[in-house]
Amino acid sequence: MAEKKQPATTAPAADSGDGGAMRIDPALVRELAQLLDENNLTEIEVEDGDRKIKVQRSAAGPGFAGGAAFAAAPAHAAHAPAPAAGAPAAAPAPEEASGESVKSPMVGTAFLSPEPGAKPFVSVGDAVKAGDTLLIVEAMKVMNPITAPHGGTVQKILVSDGQPVEFDQPLIVLG
């Protein structure tokens, strides 16, 4: 990837006399957005000297016309960035339906069936044994089965098919 030549000074880009504007390489931003889509990520950030570029998926999801929101910030910013206005709010605590939540061990995408159009692994009311597959979390093109830690009945399914999930997010409540 071609690097833009930086001025010989060590001053941050904001002090370069160009009105505080930061030069952004549009090809790099497009490449980061493509990596975001190809790897089903919600955010990617790259830092190069005093330049920091962050590409974040829009709250509207992949079907949104823009697809991704782009933001650039100088690396010398002293404060932590505020959450984006379009960022999804933290999921509310699940209602504990007299059971134990099975949580995601990783960030990824939840799939309720082994393949598109197939019968889901479990449905509400199903009895499961310890070790039964409840759903799959896909992370970095690897399908990871999420199994029941113990026997019980599926009380509630807290995610939908194809939904992105975070680490330690409750997925299913077993009773």
N, C-alpha and C. Protein backbone atom coordinates (compact mmCIF):
# COMPACT_ATOMS: atom_id res chain seq x y z
N MET A 1 0.85 -1.17 0.00
CA MET A 1 0.00 0.00 0.00
C MET A 1 0.89 1.23 0.00
N ALA A 2 0.61 2.21 -0.86
CA ALA A 2 1.43 3.41 -0.97
C ALA A 2 1.18 4.32 0.21
N GLU A 3 2.26 4.83 0.77
CA GLU A 3 2.16 5.75 1.90
C GLU A 3 2.21 7.17 1.38
N LYS A 4 1.41 8.04 1.96
CA LYS A 4 1.51 9.46 1.63
C LYS A 4 2.71 10.00 2.38
N LYS A 5 3.46 10.87 1.72
CA LYS A 5 4.65 11.43 2.35
C LYS A 5 4.23 12.43 3.41
N GLN A 6 4.75 12.25 4.60
CA GLN A 6 4.45 13.15 5.71
C GLN A 6 5.45 14.30 5.71
N PRO A 7 5.05 15.49 6.22
CA PRO A 7 5.99 16.59 6.32
C PRO A 7 7.17 16.21 7.22
N ALA A 8 8.30 16.86 7.05
CA ALA A 8 9.51 16.54 7.79
C ALA A 8 9.39 16.90 9.27
N THR A 9 8.41 17.67 9.64
CA THR A 9 8.21 18.06 11.03
C THR A 9 7.60 16.93 11.84
N THR A 10 7.79 16.97 13.15
CA THR A 10 7.21 15.96 14.03
C THR A 10 5.88 16.42 14.60
N ALA A 11 5.40 17.58 14.17
CA ALA A 11 4.13 18.10 14.68
C ALA A 11 2.98 17.25 14.17
N PRO A 12 1.92 17.11 14.97
CA PRO A 12 0.76 16.36 14.52
C PRO A 12 0.14 17.01 13.29
N ALA A 13 -0.61 16.21 12.51
CA ALA A 13 -1.23 16.69 11.27
C ALA A 13 -2.14 17.89 11.53
N ALA A 14 -2.77 17.98 12.69
CA ALA A 14 -3.69 19.06 12.99
C ALA A 14 -2.96 20.40 13.08
N ASP A 15 -1.63 20.41 13.33
CA ASP A 15 -0.88 21.64 13.47
C ASP A 15 -0.10 21.97 12.20
N SER A 16 -0.40 21.35 11.07
CA SER A 16 0.39 21.51 9.87
C SER A 16 0.04 22.75 9.08
N GLY A 17 -0.85 23.60 9.56
CA GLY A 17 -1.17 24.83 8.89
C GLY A 17 -2.21 24.67 7.80
N ASP A 18 -2.79 23.52 7.64
CA ASP A 18 -3.81 23.33 6.62
C ASP A 18 -5.22 23.45 7.20
N GLY A 19 -5.36 24.27 8.21
CA GLY A 19 -6.67 24.49 8.81
C GLY A 19 -7.08 23.38 9.75
N GLY A 20 -6.14 22.55 10.16
CA GLY A 20 -6.47 21.49 11.11
C GLY A 20 -7.06 20.26 10.43
N ALA A 21 -7.18 20.29 9.09
CA ALA A 21 -7.77 19.15 8.39
C ALA A 21 -6.76 18.01 8.30
N MET A 22 -7.25 16.84 8.47
CA MET A 22 -6.40 15.65 8.39
C MET A 22 -6.57 15.04 7.01
N ARG A 23 -5.46 14.71 6.35
CA ARG A 23 -5.55 14.08 5.04
C ARG A 23 -5.84 12.61 5.22
N ILE A 24 -6.87 12.14 4.55
CA ILE A 24 -7.28 10.75 4.66
C ILE A 24 -7.14 10.10 3.30
N ASP A 25 -6.57 8.92 3.27
CA ASP A 25 -6.41 8.16 2.04
C ASP A 25 -7.71 7.40 1.78
N PRO A 26 -8.52 7.83 0.80
CA PRO A 26 -9.81 7.18 0.54
C PRO A 26 -9.65 5.70 0.17
N ALA A 27 -8.57 5.34 -0.50
CA ALA A 27 -8.35 3.94 -0.87
C ALA A 27 -8.17 3.08 0.38
N LEU A 28 -7.45 3.63 1.38
CA LEU A 28 -7.25 2.90 2.63
C LEU A 28 -8.58 2.72 3.35
N VAL A 29 -9.39 3.76 3.37
CA VAL A 29 -10.71 3.66 4.04
C VAL A 29 -11.57 2.62 3.34
N ARG A 30 -11.55 2.62 1.99
CA ARG A 30 -12.33 1.62 1.25
C ARG A 30 -11.83 0.21 1.55
N GLU A 31 -10.50 0.05 1.62
CA GLU A 31 -9.92 -1.26 1.91
C GLU A 31 -10.32 -1.74 3.32
N LEU A 32 -10.31 -0.83 4.29
CA LEU A 32 -10.72 -1.18 5.65
C LEU A 32 -12.20 -1.56 5.68
N ALA A 33 -13.03 -0.82 4.94
CA ALA A 33 -14.46 -1.14 4.89
C ALA A 33 -14.68 -2.51 4.27
N GLN A 34 -13.90 -2.84 3.25
CA GLN A 34 -14.01 -4.15 2.61
C GLN A 34 -13.61 -5.26 3.59
N LEU A 35 -12.53 -5.05 4.36
CA LEU A 35 -12.12 -6.02 5.38
C LEU A 35 -13.21 -6.20 6.42
N LEU A 36 -13.86 -5.09 6.78
CA LEU A 36 -14.95 -5.12 7.75
C LEU A 36 -16.06 -6.04 7.26
N ASP A 37 -16.46 -5.86 6.00
CA ASP A 37 -17.54 -6.67 5.42
C ASP A 37 -17.12 -8.12 5.24
N GLU A 38 -15.92 -8.36 4.69
CA GLU A 38 -15.46 -9.72 4.41
C GLU A 38 -15.34 -10.55 5.67
N ASN A 39 -14.97 -9.93 6.79
CA ASN A 39 -14.76 -10.66 8.03
C ASN A 39 -15.90 -10.51 9.02
N ASN A 40 -16.99 -9.91 8.57
CA ASN A 40 -18.19 -9.74 9.39
C ASN A 40 -17.85 -9.07 10.72
N LEU A 41 -17.03 -8.02 10.66
CA LEU A 41 -16.64 -7.26 11.85
C LEU A 41 -17.56 -6.06 12.00
N THR A 42 -17.62 -5.50 13.19
CA THR A 42 -18.40 -4.30 13.42
C THR A 42 -17.52 -3.07 13.45
N GLU A 43 -16.20 -3.26 13.63
CA GLU A 43 -15.30 -2.13 13.76
C GLU A 43 -13.87 -2.57 13.47
N ILE A 44 -13.11 -1.68 12.83
CA ILE A 44 -11.69 -1.94 12.60
C ILE A 44 -10.97 -0.61 12.74
N GLU A 45 -9.78 -0.62 13.34
CA GLU A 45 -9.03 0.60 13.59
C GLU A 45 -7.57 0.37 13.22
N VAL A 46 -6.97 1.35 12.52
CA VAL A 46 -5.58 1.27 12.10
C VAL A 46 -4.88 2.54 12.55
N GLU A 47 -3.66 2.38 13.08
CA GLU A 47 -2.88 3.52 13.54
C GLU A 47 -1.53 3.51 12.84
N ASP A 48 -1.14 4.67 12.31
CA ASP A 48 0.13 4.81 11.61
C ASP A 48 0.73 6.15 12.00
N GLY A 49 1.65 6.13 12.94
CA GLY A 49 2.25 7.38 13.41
C GLY A 49 1.21 8.24 14.11
N ASP A 50 1.02 9.45 13.60
CA ASP A 50 0.03 10.35 14.23
C ASP A 50 -1.33 10.24 13.55
N ARG A 51 -1.50 9.28 12.66
CA ARG A 51 -2.77 9.10 11.95
C ARG A 51 -3.47 7.85 12.48
N LYS A 52 -4.73 8.00 12.82
CA LYS A 52 -5.54 6.88 13.30
C LYS A 52 -6.84 6.88 12.51
N ILE A 53 -7.19 5.74 11.91
CA ILE A 53 -8.42 5.63 11.13
C ILE A 53 -9.25 4.50 11.71
N LYS A 54 -10.51 4.79 11.96
CA LYS A 54 -11.45 3.83 12.54
C LYS A 54 -12.64 3.72 11.59
N VAL A 55 -12.98 2.49 11.19
CA VAL A 55 -14.13 2.25 10.33
C VAL A 55 -15.08 1.38 11.14
N GLN A 56 -16.34 1.83 11.21
CA GLN A 56 -17.31 1.17 12.08
C GLN A 56 -18.60 0.94 11.30
N ARG A 57 -19.17 -0.27 11.45
CA ARG A 57 -20.42 -0.61 10.77
C ARG A 57 -21.55 0.22 11.35
N SER A 58 -22.41 0.70 10.49
CA SER A 58 -23.56 1.51 10.89
C SER A 58 -24.54 0.67 11.70
N ALA A 59 -25.28 1.31 12.60
CA ALA A 59 -26.28 0.61 13.41
C ALA A 59 -27.37 0.02 12.54
N ALA A 60 -27.56 0.56 11.32
CA ALA A 60 -28.60 0.06 10.43
C ALA A 60 -28.24 -1.29 9.84
N GLY A 61 -26.97 -1.71 9.95
CA GLY A 61 -26.57 -3.04 9.51
C GLY A 61 -26.14 -3.07 8.06
N PRO A 62 -25.82 -4.29 7.55
CA PRO A 62 -25.28 -4.42 6.22
C PRO A 62 -26.25 -4.02 5.12
N GLY A 63 -27.55 -4.05 5.35
CA GLY A 63 -28.52 -3.70 4.34
C GLY A 63 -28.63 -2.20 4.14
N PHE A 64 -28.05 -1.40 5.01
CA PHE A 64 -28.10 0.05 4.95
C PHE A 64 -27.29 0.52 3.75
N ALA A 65 -27.80 1.54 3.06
CA ALA A 65 -27.15 2.01 1.84
C ALA A 65 -25.70 2.37 2.06
N GLY A 66 -25.36 2.97 3.21
CA GLY A 66 -23.98 3.34 3.48
C GLY A 66 -23.14 2.16 3.87
N GLY A 67 -23.71 1.19 4.56
CA GLY A 67 -23.00 -0.01 4.97
C GLY A 67 -22.07 0.19 6.13
N ALA A 68 -21.27 1.24 6.11
CA ALA A 68 -20.32 1.46 7.18
C ALA A 68 -20.18 2.96 7.41
N ALA A 69 -19.90 3.31 8.63
CA ALA A 69 -19.66 4.71 8.97
C ALA A 69 -18.15 4.87 9.11
N PHE A 70 -17.60 5.98 8.63
CA PHE A 70 -16.17 6.19 8.66
C PHE A 70 -15.86 7.32 9.62
N ALA A 71 -14.81 7.14 10.40
CA ALA A 71 -14.38 8.19 11.32
C ALA A 71 -12.87 8.19 11.38
N ALA A 72 -12.28 9.36 11.47
CA ALA A 72 -10.84 9.47 11.62
C ALA A 72 -10.57 10.42 12.77
N ALA A 73 -9.56 10.09 13.57
CA ALA A 73 -9.23 10.94 14.71
C ALA A 73 -7.73 10.94 14.87
N PRO A 74 -7.13 12.08 15.28
CA PRO A 74 -5.70 12.08 15.53
C PRO A 74 -5.37 11.21 16.73
N ALA A 75 -4.23 10.53 16.69
CA ALA A 75 -3.85 9.62 17.76
C ALA A 75 -3.53 10.35 19.05
N HIS A 76 -3.25 11.65 18.98
CA HIS A 76 -2.86 12.38 20.17
C HIS A 76 -4.07 12.89 20.97
N ALA A 77 -5.28 12.47 20.62
CA ALA A 77 -6.45 12.89 21.38
C ALA A 77 -6.32 12.40 22.81
N ALA A 78 -6.52 13.30 23.78
CA ALA A 78 -6.28 12.97 25.19
C ALA A 78 -7.44 12.27 25.85
N HIS A 79 -8.62 12.34 25.28
CA HIS A 79 -9.79 11.73 25.93
C HIS A 79 -10.31 10.56 25.11
N ALA A 80 -11.01 9.68 25.78
CA ALA A 80 -11.60 8.54 25.10
C ALA A 80 -12.77 9.02 24.26
N PRO A 81 -12.96 8.45 23.05
CA PRO A 81 -14.07 8.89 22.21
C PRO A 81 -15.40 8.49 22.81
N ALA A 82 -16.38 9.36 22.63
CA ALA A 82 -17.74 9.05 23.10
C ALA A 82 -18.34 8.02 22.16
N PRO A 83 -19.27 7.19 22.63
CA PRO A 83 -19.89 6.22 21.75
C PRO A 83 -20.60 6.93 20.60
N ALA A 84 -20.56 6.34 19.43
CA ALA A 84 -21.21 6.92 18.26
C ALA A 84 -22.72 6.99 18.49
N ALA A 85 -23.33 8.04 17.96
CA ALA A 85 -24.76 8.24 18.16
C ALA A 85 -25.56 7.08 17.58
N GLY A 86 -25.07 6.48 16.50
CA GLY A 86 -25.80 5.39 15.86
C GLY A 86 -25.44 4.02 16.41
N ALA A 87 -24.56 3.96 17.40
CA ALA A 87 -24.13 2.67 17.94
C ALA A 87 -25.27 2.02 18.72
N PRO A 88 -25.40 0.70 18.60
CA PRO A 88 -26.47 0.04 19.33
C PRO A 88 -26.24 0.12 20.83
N ALA A 89 -27.32 0.29 21.56
CA ALA A 89 -27.23 0.37 23.02
C ALA A 89 -26.91 -1.01 23.57
N ALA A 90 -26.35 -1.04 24.75
CA ALA A 90 -26.05 -2.32 25.38
C ALA A 90 -27.36 -3.09 25.58
N ALA A 91 -27.29 -4.38 25.35
CA ALA A 91 -28.49 -5.20 25.47
C ALA A 91 -28.97 -5.19 26.91
N PRO A 92 -30.27 -5.05 27.12
CA PRO A 92 -30.77 -5.08 28.49
C PRO A 92 -30.56 -6.46 29.09
N ALA A 93 -30.45 -6.50 30.39
CA ALA A 93 -30.26 -7.79 31.07
C ALA A 93 -31.45 -8.69 30.75
N PRO A 94 -31.18 -9.95 30.40
CA PRO A 94 -32.29 -10.83 30.05
C PRO A 94 -33.13 -11.15 31.28
N GLU A 95 -34.39 -11.39 31.01
CA GLU A 95 -35.27 -11.79 32.11
C GLU A 95 -34.91 -13.23 32.47
N GLU A 96 -34.48 -13.44 33.67
CA GLU A 96 -34.13 -14.79 34.09
C GLU A 96 -35.41 -15.58 34.31
N ALA A 97 -35.73 -16.41 33.36
CA ALA A 97 -36.95 -17.20 33.41
C ALA A 97 -36.68 -18.47 34.21
N SER A 98 -36.42 -18.29 35.49
CA SER A 98 -36.12 -19.39 36.42
C SER A 98 -35.16 -20.39 35.79
N GLY A 99 -34.05 -19.89 35.29
CA GLY A 99 -33.07 -20.77 34.68
C GLY A 99 -31.72 -20.11 34.61
N GLU A 100 -30.82 -20.78 33.91
CA GLU A 100 -29.45 -20.31 33.77
C GLU A 100 -29.22 -19.88 32.33
N SER A 101 -28.60 -18.71 32.16
CA SER A 101 -28.28 -18.22 30.82
C SER A 101 -27.04 -18.92 30.29
N VAL A 102 -27.10 -19.37 29.05
CA VAL A 102 -25.93 -19.88 28.36
C VAL A 102 -25.40 -18.68 27.58
N LYS A 103 -24.14 -18.31 27.87
CA LYS A 103 -23.56 -17.09 27.30
C LYS A 103 -22.57 -17.42 26.19
N SER A 104 -22.40 -16.45 25.30
CA SER A 104 -21.47 -16.62 24.19
C SER A 104 -20.03 -16.57 24.69
N PRO A 105 -19.21 -17.53 24.31
CA PRO A 105 -17.81 -17.52 24.73
C PRO A 105 -16.93 -16.65 23.83
N MET A 106 -17.54 -16.00 22.82
CA MET A 106 -16.77 -15.21 21.86
C MET A 106 -17.65 -14.20 21.14
N VAL A 107 -17.01 -13.30 20.42
CA VAL A 107 -17.70 -12.37 19.53
C VAL A 107 -17.90 -13.09 18.21
N GLY A 108 -19.07 -12.98 17.61
CA GLY A 108 -19.31 -13.64 16.34
C GLY A 108 -20.74 -13.44 15.88
N THR A 109 -21.22 -14.39 15.08
CA THR A 109 -22.58 -14.36 14.56
C THR A 109 -23.28 -15.64 14.98
N ALA A 110 -24.46 -15.50 15.60
CA ALA A 110 -25.21 -16.66 16.07
C ALA A 110 -26.05 -17.25 14.94
N PHE A 111 -26.03 -18.58 14.84
CA PHE A 111 -26.87 -19.29 13.89
C PHE A 111 -27.64 -20.35 14.66
N LEU A 112 -28.96 -20.35 14.49
CA LEU A 112 -29.81 -21.26 15.25
C LEU A 112 -29.97 -22.62 14.59
N SER A 113 -29.53 -22.78 13.33
CA SER A 113 -29.64 -24.06 12.64
C SER A 113 -28.31 -24.38 11.96
N PRO A 114 -28.10 -25.64 11.61
CA PRO A 114 -26.81 -26.03 11.03
C PRO A 114 -26.56 -25.44 9.65
N GLU A 115 -27.62 -25.10 8.91
CA GLU A 115 -27.48 -24.48 7.60
C GLU A 115 -28.75 -23.70 7.29
N PRO A 116 -28.68 -22.75 6.36
CA PRO A 116 -29.87 -21.95 6.05
C PRO A 116 -31.04 -22.84 5.61
N GLY A 117 -32.20 -22.57 6.15
CA GLY A 117 -33.40 -23.32 5.81
C GLY A 117 -33.59 -24.61 6.59
N ALA A 118 -32.60 -25.02 7.35
CA ALA A 118 -32.70 -26.27 8.12
C ALA A 118 -33.45 -26.02 9.43
N LYS A 119 -33.91 -27.10 10.04
CA LYS A 119 -34.61 -27.04 11.33
C LYS A 119 -33.63 -26.53 12.40
N PRO A 120 -34.08 -25.60 13.28
CA PRO A 120 -33.19 -25.10 14.34
C PRO A 120 -32.72 -26.23 15.26
N PHE A 121 -31.55 -26.03 15.88
CA PHE A 121 -31.04 -27.02 16.82
C PHE A 121 -32.04 -27.24 17.95
N VAL A 122 -32.56 -26.15 18.53
CA VAL A 122 -33.53 -26.24 19.63
C VAL A 122 -34.62 -25.19 19.46
N SER A 123 -35.74 -25.43 20.12
CA SER A 123 -36.85 -24.47 20.17
C SER A 123 -37.26 -24.32 21.63
N VAL A 124 -37.98 -23.25 21.93
CA VAL A 124 -38.46 -23.05 23.30
C VAL A 124 -39.33 -24.25 23.69
N GLY A 125 -39.07 -24.79 24.88
CA GLY A 125 -39.81 -25.94 25.38
C GLY A 125 -39.10 -27.26 25.15
N ASP A 126 -38.06 -27.30 24.31
CA ASP A 126 -37.32 -28.53 24.04
C ASP A 126 -36.52 -28.95 25.27
N ALA A 127 -36.48 -30.26 25.51
CA ALA A 127 -35.63 -30.81 26.56
C ALA A 127 -34.26 -31.08 25.95
N VAL A 128 -33.20 -30.70 26.67
CA VAL A 128 -31.83 -30.93 26.19
C VAL A 128 -31.02 -31.64 27.27
N LYS A 129 -29.98 -32.35 26.81
CA LYS A 129 -29.06 -33.02 27.72
C LYS A 129 -27.75 -32.24 27.71
N ALA A 130 -26.94 -32.42 28.73
CA ALA A 130 -25.62 -31.79 28.78
C ALA A 130 -24.85 -32.20 27.53
N GLY A 131 -24.27 -31.22 26.83
CA GLY A 131 -23.49 -31.50 25.63
C GLY A 131 -24.27 -31.35 24.34
N ASP A 132 -25.60 -31.25 24.39
CA ASP A 132 -26.39 -31.04 23.17
C ASP A 132 -26.08 -29.68 22.58
N THR A 133 -25.99 -29.61 21.26
CA THR A 133 -25.74 -28.33 20.58
C THR A 133 -27.00 -27.49 20.63
N LEU A 134 -26.85 -26.24 21.12
CA LEU A 134 -27.97 -25.31 21.21
C LEU A 134 -28.01 -24.39 20.00
N LEU A 135 -26.84 -23.95 19.54
CA LEU A 135 -26.71 -23.08 18.39
C LEU A 135 -25.25 -23.04 18.01
N ILE A 136 -24.93 -22.27 16.96
CA ILE A 136 -23.55 -22.12 16.51
C ILE A 136 -23.20 -20.64 16.55
N VAL A 137 -21.97 -20.33 16.98
CA VAL A 137 -21.46 -18.96 16.86
C VAL A 137 -20.30 -19.03 15.88
N GLU A 138 -20.47 -18.33 14.75
CA GLU A 138 -19.42 -18.27 13.73
C GLU A 138 -18.51 -17.11 14.06
N ALA A 139 -17.21 -17.40 14.13
CA ALA A 139 -16.21 -16.37 14.38
C ALA A 139 -15.02 -16.63 13.46
N MET A 140 -14.69 -15.66 12.63
CA MET A 140 -13.56 -15.76 11.70
C MET A 140 -13.66 -17.02 10.84
N LYS A 141 -14.84 -17.25 10.30
CA LYS A 141 -15.12 -18.36 9.37
C LYS A 141 -15.05 -19.73 10.03
N VAL A 142 -15.05 -19.78 11.36
CA VAL A 142 -15.06 -21.06 12.08
C VAL A 142 -16.40 -21.18 12.80
N MET A 143 -17.07 -22.32 12.58
CA MET A 143 -18.36 -22.58 13.22
C MET A 143 -18.10 -23.24 14.58
N ASN A 144 -18.50 -22.55 15.65
CA ASN A 144 -18.27 -23.02 17.01
C ASN A 144 -19.59 -23.44 17.64
N PRO A 145 -19.77 -24.74 17.90
CA PRO A 145 -21.02 -25.17 18.53
C PRO A 145 -21.09 -24.70 19.99
N ILE A 146 -22.23 -24.18 20.37
CA ILE A 146 -22.47 -23.79 21.76
C ILE A 146 -23.35 -24.89 22.34
N THR A 147 -22.83 -25.57 23.35
CA THR A 147 -23.52 -26.74 23.90
C THR A 147 -24.15 -26.44 25.26
N ALA A 148 -25.12 -27.28 25.60
CA ALA A 148 -25.79 -27.15 26.90
C ALA A 148 -24.82 -27.57 28.00
N PRO A 149 -24.62 -26.72 29.02
CA PRO A 149 -23.71 -27.08 30.11
C PRO A 149 -24.31 -28.17 31.02
N HIS A 150 -25.62 -28.30 30.97
CA HIS A 150 -26.33 -29.30 31.77
C HIS A 150 -27.67 -29.58 31.11
N GLY A 151 -28.34 -30.63 31.57
CA GLY A 151 -29.64 -30.95 31.04
C GLY A 151 -30.69 -29.96 31.52
N GLY A 152 -31.78 -29.85 30.78
CA GLY A 152 -32.85 -28.95 31.17
C GLY A 152 -33.81 -28.71 30.02
N THR A 153 -34.60 -27.66 30.17
CA THR A 153 -35.57 -27.28 29.16
C THR A 153 -35.24 -25.89 28.66
N VAL A 154 -35.34 -25.68 27.34
CA VAL A 154 -35.08 -24.36 26.76
C VAL A 154 -36.24 -23.45 27.17
N GLN A 155 -35.94 -22.45 28.01
CA GLN A 155 -36.95 -21.51 28.49
C GLN A 155 -37.15 -20.35 27.53
N LYS A 156 -36.02 -19.86 26.99
CA LYS A 156 -36.08 -18.68 26.14
C LYS A 156 -34.85 -18.65 25.24
N ILE A 157 -35.06 -18.25 23.96
CA ILE A 157 -33.96 -18.04 23.03
C ILE A 157 -33.83 -16.53 22.88
N LEU A 158 -32.66 -16.00 23.27
CA LEU A 158 -32.48 -14.55 23.37
C LEU A 158 -31.87 -13.91 22.13
N VAL A 159 -31.52 -14.71 21.11
CA VAL A 159 -30.93 -14.17 19.88
C VAL A 159 -31.71 -14.68 18.68
N SER A 160 -31.57 -13.99 17.57
CA SER A 160 -32.20 -14.44 16.34
C SER A 160 -31.14 -15.00 15.40
N ASP A 161 -31.56 -15.72 14.40
CA ASP A 161 -30.64 -16.33 13.45
C ASP A 161 -29.89 -15.26 12.67
N GLY A 162 -28.57 -15.37 12.62
CA GLY A 162 -27.74 -14.41 11.90
C GLY A 162 -27.41 -13.16 12.68
N GLN A 163 -27.78 -13.11 13.96
CA GLN A 163 -27.55 -11.91 14.78
C GLN A 163 -26.11 -11.87 15.27
N PRO A 164 -25.45 -10.71 15.17
CA PRO A 164 -24.11 -10.57 15.78
C PRO A 164 -24.23 -10.66 17.30
N VAL A 165 -23.27 -11.34 17.93
CA VAL A 165 -23.27 -11.46 19.39
C VAL A 165 -21.92 -11.04 19.94
N GLU A 166 -21.93 -10.60 21.17
CA GLU A 166 -20.72 -10.15 21.86
C GLU A 166 -20.28 -11.22 22.85
N PHE A 167 -19.03 -11.11 23.30
CA PHE A 167 -18.52 -12.01 24.32
C PHE A 167 -19.38 -11.89 25.58
N ASP A 168 -19.72 -13.02 26.17
CA ASP A 168 -20.47 -13.10 27.43
C ASP A 168 -21.93 -12.64 27.31
N GLN A 169 -22.42 -12.50 26.08
CA GLN A 169 -23.83 -12.13 25.87
C GLN A 169 -24.70 -13.35 26.08
N PRO A 170 -25.77 -13.24 26.88
CA PRO A 170 -26.70 -14.36 27.07
C PRO A 170 -27.34 -14.75 25.73
N LEU A 171 -27.36 -16.05 25.44
CA LEU A 171 -27.91 -16.55 24.19
C LEU A 171 -29.22 -17.31 24.40
N ILE A 172 -29.22 -18.18 25.39
CA ILE A 172 -30.37 -19.06 25.65
C ILE A 172 -30.51 -19.22 27.16
N VAL A 173 -31.76 -19.32 27.63
CA VAL A 173 -32.01 -19.58 29.05
C VAL A 173 -32.50 -21.03 29.16
N LEU A 174 -31.77 -21.79 29.99
CA LEU A 174 -32.15 -23.18 30.27
C LEU A 174 -32.74 -23.27 31.66
N GLY A 175 -33.78 -24.07 31.82
CA GLY A 175 -34.40 -24.24 33.13
C GLY A 175 -34.32 -25.65 33.59
